Amino acid sequence: MLSVDLHGVFRSDRGIDSAIRTAIFRAKRERIGTVEIIPGKGSGTLRRRVLAVLEQPHLKKLYRRVEVDPDNEGRVLVHF
């Protein structure tokens, strides 16, 4: 599992997009089964941003499904 913690880039939309894209492309290239994206709990704004980025057609075709961890709302799992 590849893990991406967005706490360090949460103020930069470009940084968020870049971190997510890099992780998705790396996971696909290296055949990693799951990417864990950690936007944190907070108000949910960053989680919604992450989900919106993952809905982009050029990224959506690379993975099978996305889920918000039912036990931890501050974690988004992307399955390949």
Protein backbone atom coordinates (compact mmCIF):
# COMPACT_ATOMS: atom_id res chain seq x y z
CA MET A 1 0.00 0.00 0.00
CA LEU A 2 1.20 3.45 -0.94
CA SER A 3 0.36 6.24 1.49
CA VAL A 4 0.02 9.99 0.75
CA ASP A 5 -0.37 12.42 3.66
CA LEU A 6 -1.82 15.74 2.48
CA HIS A 7 -1.34 17.63 5.75
CA GLY A 8 1.76 19.36 4.36
CA VAL A 9 0.11 20.65 1.17
CA PHE A 10 -3.46 21.29 2.29
CA ARG A 11 -3.32 25.02 1.52
CA SER A 12 -2.22 24.55 -2.09
CA ASP A 13 -4.69 23.21 -4.67
CA ARG A 14 -1.82 22.66 -7.08
CA GLY A 15 0.11 20.72 -4.41
CA ILE A 16 -2.92 18.55 -3.63
CA ASP A 17 -3.52 17.79 -7.32
CA SER A 18 0.14 17.01 -7.89
CA ALA A 19 0.45 14.71 -4.86
CA ILE A 20 -2.65 12.75 -5.83
CA ARG A 21 -1.70 12.43 -9.51
CA THR A 22 1.84 11.37 -8.65
CA ALA A 23 0.57 8.68 -6.26
CA ILE A 24 -2.02 7.35 -8.73
CA PHE A 25 0.46 7.17 -11.61
CA ARG A 26 3.12 5.57 -9.39
CA ALA A 27 0.68 2.97 -8.05
CA LYS A 28 -0.45 2.07 -11.55
CA ARG A 29 3.14 1.87 -12.87
CA GLU A 30 4.40 -0.22 -9.92
CA ARG A 31 1.23 -2.33 -9.70
CA ILE A 32 0.46 -1.29 -6.12
CA GLY A 33 -2.99 -2.56 -5.09
CA THR A 34 -4.14 0.32 -2.88
CA VAL A 35 -3.28 3.97 -2.35
CA GLU A 36 -4.13 5.48 1.02
CA ILE A 37 -4.72 9.25 0.84
CA ILE A 38 -4.82 11.00 4.20
CA PRO A 39 -6.63 14.35 4.04
CA GLY A 40 -7.31 14.29 7.80
CA LYS A 41 -10.61 14.58 9.63
CA GLY A 42 -11.28 18.31 10.02
CA SER A 43 -14.32 19.86 8.33
CA GLY A 44 -14.22 17.54 5.31
CA THR A 45 -13.25 20.25 2.81
CA LEU A 46 -9.95 18.61 1.91
CA ARG A 47 -11.59 15.17 1.63
CA ARG A 48 -14.15 16.61 -0.81
CA ARG A 49 -11.30 18.17 -2.81
CA VAL A 50 -9.50 14.79 -2.95
CA LEU A 51 -12.67 13.04 -4.13
CA ALA A 52 -13.22 15.71 -6.81
CA VAL A 53 -9.67 15.28 -8.11
CA LEU A 54 -10.15 11.50 -8.24
CA GLU A 55 -13.33 11.96 -10.31
CA GLN A 56 -11.38 13.55 -13.18
CA PRO A 57 -11.79 11.27 -16.23
CA HIS A 58 -8.05 10.87 -16.91
CA LEU A 59 -7.52 9.58 -13.35
CA LYS A 60 -10.78 7.70 -12.95
CA LYS A 61 -9.90 5.30 -15.76
CA LEU A 62 -6.74 4.20 -13.89
CA TYR A 63 -8.37 2.73 -10.76
CA ARG A 64 -11.29 0.41 -9.94
CA ARG A 65 -12.91 2.12 -6.95
CA VAL A 66 -12.56 4.75 -4.24
CA GLU A 67 -13.84 4.49 -0.69
CA VAL A 68 -13.75 6.66 2.39
CA ASP A 69 -12.57 4.39 5.19
CA PRO A 70 -15.70 3.58 7.26
CA ASP A 71 -13.61 3.38 10.45
CA ASN A 72 -11.62 6.56 9.81
CA GLU A 73 -13.18 9.46 7.85
CA GLY A 74 -9.74 11.06 7.53
CA ARG A 75 -8.59 8.37 5.12
CA VAL A 76 -9.51 7.74 1.47
CA LEU A 77 -8.60 4.42 -0.14
CA VAL A 78 -8.09 4.06 -3.89
CA HIS A 79 -8.17 0.45 -5.14
CA PHE A 80 -6.56 -0.69 -8.41
